[in-house]
Amino acid sequence: MTGIVAVTGAAGALGRKTVEILGAAGWTVVGIDLGEVAADGVALALGGVDLTDEAAMAGAAARISAELGQLDGLVNIAGGFAWETVADGSVATWDRLYAMNVRTALIASRALLPLLTASQGAIVNIGAAAATKAAAGMGAYAASKSGVARLTEALAEEVKAEGVRVNAILPSILDTPANRADMPGADFGSWVTPTQLAGVAAFLLSPAADAITGALIPVTGRV
């Protein structure tokens, strides 16, 4: 069984691949992003949506309800990354990554929860393996992704009686053009591809994962 799924961060590398994979699996996809969302592969392209702003996301939820009538899944991909040490970095980076990674997932989930509750749908959050052990320079990022993990667990407990499932995927390094440019000497073959990660998201949205909620699933390739 498939249905209608919203993907935040739909304009990014992982977002675009997730839209493609879900569409191929039979889902009707809503793409949401602060940037421009390509119309290809989506039933509703919602660009220019500030996912850190409750009013903006409420407007997106209203459009989904009015134009599509229901929502069965949500994949929270919108987020960001920065590498800097605690001593030499900026407190502003901690605030910025919290807003990009935790606040976006929180606001999107809250705005779309009434629709997801009505359909007994599922939420998939993109966390990070770094949330379980932060390396040097990863403090702000790991802390924000730890927030995504705790959000996932708490919300899963809060809505499980209503039939809504909430899980998170914890990838290591994604094989994207940006990461290759930043780490040109790395073994790209050991990384997780966007296709692989999107496939795990598709599984967690599917009936095959009906018994899974509140899980933090590592998808780390061979890193």
Protein backbone atom coordinates (compact mmCIF):
# COMPACT_ATOMS: atom_id res chain seq x y z
CA MET A 1 0.00 0.00 0.00
CA THR A 2 1.24 3.46 -0.86
CA GLY A 3 -0.38 6.87 -0.68
CA ILE A 4 0.69 10.49 -0.40
CA VAL A 5 4.01 11.38 1.19
CA ALA A 6 5.66 14.73 1.90
CA VAL A 7 9.44 15.09 1.61
CA THR A 8 11.13 18.09 3.22
CA GLY A 9 14.47 19.18 1.83
CA ALA A 10 13.20 17.99 -1.54
CA ALA A 11 15.52 20.29 -3.49
CA GLY A 12 18.72 18.74 -2.09
CA ALA A 13 20.69 15.74 -3.32
CA LEU A 14 19.10 13.27 -0.90
CA GLY A 15 15.70 14.92 -1.23
CA ARG A 16 15.67 14.65 -5.01
CA LYS A 17 16.68 10.99 -4.92
CA THR A 18 14.06 10.24 -2.25
CA VAL A 19 11.37 11.87 -4.38
CA GLU A 20 12.49 9.69 -7.29
CA ILE A 21 12.61 6.44 -5.30
CA LEU A 22 9.24 7.02 -3.62
CA GLY A 23 7.63 7.96 -6.91
CA ALA A 24 8.95 4.78 -8.51
CA ALA A 25 7.49 2.81 -5.59
CA GLY A 26 4.04 4.24 -6.34
CA TRP A 27 3.84 7.09 -3.86
CA THR A 28 2.30 10.43 -4.73
CA VAL A 29 4.95 12.89 -3.56
CA VAL A 30 4.77 16.42 -2.14
CA GLY A 31 8.12 18.22 -2.28
CA ILE A 32 8.77 20.90 0.34
CA ASP A 33 11.85 23.11 0.53
CA LEU A 34 13.05 26.64 1.16
CA GLY A 35 14.56 26.50 -2.32
CA GLU A 36 12.80 25.85 -5.59
CA VAL A 37 11.31 22.36 -5.88
CA ALA A 38 11.39 20.83 -9.36
CA ALA A 39 7.95 19.90 -10.63
CA ASP A 40 9.21 16.60 -12.08
CA GLY A 41 8.14 13.63 -10.00
CA VAL A 42 5.96 15.52 -7.55
CA ALA A 43 2.22 16.02 -7.41
CA LEU A 44 2.67 19.25 -5.44
CA ALA A 45 5.84 21.36 -5.41
CA LEU A 46 6.00 23.62 -2.36
CA GLY A 47 9.10 25.76 -2.73
CA GLY A 48 9.90 28.86 -0.72
CA VAL A 49 8.73 27.26 2.55
CA ASP A 50 10.79 28.25 5.59
CA LEU A 51 10.65 25.05 7.61
CA THR A 52 11.88 26.85 10.72
CA ASP A 53 8.74 29.03 10.68
CA GLU A 54 5.52 27.59 12.07
CA ALA A 55 3.24 29.84 10.04
CA ALA A 56 5.00 28.96 6.78
CA MET A 57 4.71 25.24 7.46
CA ALA A 58 1.10 25.60 8.54
CA GLY A 59 0.43 27.17 5.15
CA ALA A 60 2.09 24.20 3.43
CA ALA A 61 -0.03 21.79 5.46
CA ALA A 62 -3.17 23.68 4.48
CA ARG A 63 -2.27 23.40 0.80
CA ILE A 64 -1.67 19.66 1.09
CA SER A 65 -5.03 19.22 2.79
CA ALA A 66 -6.89 21.41 0.29
CA GLU A 67 -5.27 20.08 -2.89
CA LEU A 68 -4.63 16.42 -2.07
CA GLY A 69 -7.04 15.75 0.80
CA GLN A 70 -4.80 13.49 2.84
CA LEU A 71 -1.24 12.61 3.82
CA ASP A 72 0.10 9.15 4.61
CA GLY A 73 3.80 9.76 5.16
CA LEU A 74 6.44 12.37 5.95
CA VAL A 75 10.19 12.16 5.36
CA ASN A 76 12.09 14.91 7.19
CA ILE A 77 15.31 15.43 5.23
CA ALA A 78 15.80 19.20 5.50
CA GLY A 79 18.94 19.99 7.47
CA GLY A 80 22.53 21.12 7.36
CA PHE A 81 26.11 20.38 8.39
CA ALA A 82 29.12 22.30 9.66
CA TRP A 83 32.52 21.14 10.90
CA GLU A 84 34.21 23.21 13.57
CA THR A 85 35.79 22.60 16.93
CA VAL A 86 34.15 23.61 20.17
CA ALA A 87 37.03 25.91 21.14
CA ASP A 88 37.49 27.65 17.79
CA GLY A 89 33.94 27.55 16.47
CA SER A 90 30.94 29.76 17.09
CA VAL A 91 27.97 29.44 19.38
CA ALA A 92 25.96 30.70 16.41
CA THR A 93 26.79 27.47 14.57
CA TRP A 94 25.15 25.46 17.36
CA ASP A 95 22.03 27.61 17.09
CA ARG A 96 22.02 27.39 13.29
CA LEU A 97 22.37 23.60 13.16
CA TYR A 98 19.72 23.18 15.84
CA ALA A 99 17.35 25.26 13.73
CA MET A 100 18.21 23.44 10.50
CA ASN A 101 18.14 19.89 11.85
CA VAL A 102 15.86 19.76 14.90
CA ARG A 103 13.51 22.70 14.48
CA THR A 104 12.66 21.84 10.87
CA ALA A 105 11.76 18.25 11.75
CA LEU A 106 9.78 19.39 14.78
CA ILE A 107 7.78 22.04 12.94
CA ALA A 108 7.06 19.86 9.90
CA SER A 109 5.95 16.96 12.10
CA ARG A 110 3.70 19.15 14.24
CA ALA A 111 2.10 20.83 11.24
CA LEU A 112 1.39 17.58 9.40
CA LEU A 113 0.52 15.40 12.39
CA PRO A 114 -3.27 15.92 12.14
CA LEU A 115 -3.22 14.63 8.56
CA LEU A 116 -0.92 11.73 9.46
CA THR A 117 -3.07 10.81 12.44
CA ALA A 118 -6.17 10.72 10.26
CA SER A 119 -4.47 8.25 7.89
CA GLN A 120 -2.45 6.36 10.57
CA GLY A 121 0.64 7.30 8.60
CA ALA A 122 4.37 7.24 9.24
CA ILE A 123 7.19 9.72 9.80
CA VAL A 124 10.80 9.04 8.84
CA ASN A 125 13.44 11.43 10.17
CA ILE A 126 16.97 11.64 8.81
CA GLY A 127 19.32 11.66 11.78
CA ALA A 128 23.02 10.81 11.73
CA ALA A 129 25.32 8.09 13.01
CA ALA A 130 27.33 10.92 14.56
CA ALA A 131 24.53 11.31 17.10
CA THR A 132 25.77 8.17 18.85
CA LYS A 133 29.44 9.23 19.04
CA ALA A 134 30.73 12.68 18.16
CA ALA A 135 34.18 13.01 16.62
CA ALA A 136 36.36 16.11 16.82
CA GLY A 137 34.75 19.02 15.02
CA MET A 138 31.35 17.33 15.04
CA GLY A 139 29.97 18.69 18.31
CA ALA A 140 27.34 21.08 16.97
CA TYR A 141 26.23 18.70 14.24
CA ALA A 142 26.11 15.64 16.49
CA ALA A 143 24.22 17.55 19.17
CA SER A 144 21.58 18.66 16.69
CA LYS A 145 21.20 15.18 15.26
CA SER A 146 20.95 13.82 18.80
CA GLY A 147 17.99 16.16 19.12
CA VAL A 148 16.44 14.52 16.06
CA ALA A 149 16.89 11.13 17.72
CA ARG A 150 15.21 12.23 20.93
CA LEU A 151 12.40 13.90 18.98
CA THR A 152 11.88 10.63 17.11
CA GLU A 153 11.68 8.57 20.28
CA ALA A 154 9.41 10.96 22.16
CA LEU A 155 6.99 11.49 19.29
CA ALA A 156 6.83 7.76 18.59
CA GLU A 157 5.71 7.15 22.17
CA GLU A 158 3.20 9.99 22.05
CA VAL A 159 1.40 8.87 18.88
CA LYS A 160 1.76 5.09 18.81
CA ALA A 161 -1.70 4.56 20.29
CA GLU A 162 -3.12 6.57 17.39
CA GLY A 163 -1.50 4.30 14.83
CA VAL A 164 1.23 6.71 13.70
CA ARG A 165 4.77 5.36 13.43
CA VAL A 166 7.91 7.51 13.84
CA ASN A 167 11.41 6.25 13.05
CA ALA A 168 14.81 7.72 12.22
CA ILE A 169 17.62 6.66 9.91
CA LEU A 170 21.18 7.30 11.06
CA PRO A 171 23.49 7.47 8.03
CA SER A 172 27.25 7.81 8.11
CA ILE A 173 28.70 9.75 5.14
CA LEU A 174 26.45 10.23 2.13
CA ASP A 175 27.98 9.91 -1.31
CA THR A 176 27.06 13.34 -2.64
CA PRO A 177 28.97 15.74 -4.90
CA ALA A 178 29.45 18.12 -1.96
CA ASN A 179 30.95 15.43 0.27
CA ARG A 180 33.24 14.21 -2.50
CA ALA A 181 34.47 17.77 -3.00
CA ASP A 182 35.09 18.18 0.73
CA MET A 183 36.87 14.80 1.10
CA PRO A 184 38.56 14.10 -2.25
CA GLY A 185 40.91 11.47 -0.84
CA ALA A 186 38.23 9.34 0.79
CA ASP A 187 37.04 5.91 -0.28
CA PHE A 188 33.73 6.89 -1.86
CA GLY A 189 32.75 3.26 -2.29
CA SER A 190 32.46 2.83 1.48
CA TRP A 191 29.89 5.62 1.78
CA VAL A 192 26.10 5.34 1.71
CA THR A 193 24.47 6.40 -1.54
CA PRO A 194 21.33 8.55 -1.60
CA THR A 195 19.60 5.68 -3.42
CA GLN A 196 20.39 3.29 -0.57
CA LEU A 197 19.20 5.72 2.09
CA ALA A 198 16.03 6.55 0.17
CA GLY A 199 15.34 2.82 -0.09
CA VAL A 200 15.44 2.48 3.69
CA ALA A 201 13.04 5.42 4.00
CA ALA A 202 10.69 3.76 1.51
CA PHE A 203 10.76 0.57 3.58
CA LEU A 204 9.98 2.41 6.81
CA LEU A 205 6.98 4.06 5.17
CA SER A 206 5.68 0.73 3.87
CA PRO A 207 3.33 -1.82 5.50
CA ALA A 208 6.33 -4.15 5.83
CA ALA A 209 7.52 -1.85 8.64
CA ASP A 210 4.20 -1.72 10.50
CA ALA A 211 5.77 -3.25 13.62
CA ILE A 212 8.60 -0.70 13.77
CA THR A 213 8.29 2.58 15.64
CA GLY A 214 10.66 4.61 17.78
CA ALA A 215 13.66 2.96 16.08
CA LEU A 216 16.98 4.63 15.30
CA ILE A 217 18.35 2.62 12.41
CA PRO A 218 22.06 2.87 11.52
CA VAL A 219 22.76 2.92 7.78
CA THR A 220 26.52 3.30 7.72
CA GLY A 221 27.76 1.43 4.66
CA ARG A 222 31.35 0.38 5.29
CA VAL A 223 32.51 3.55 7.03
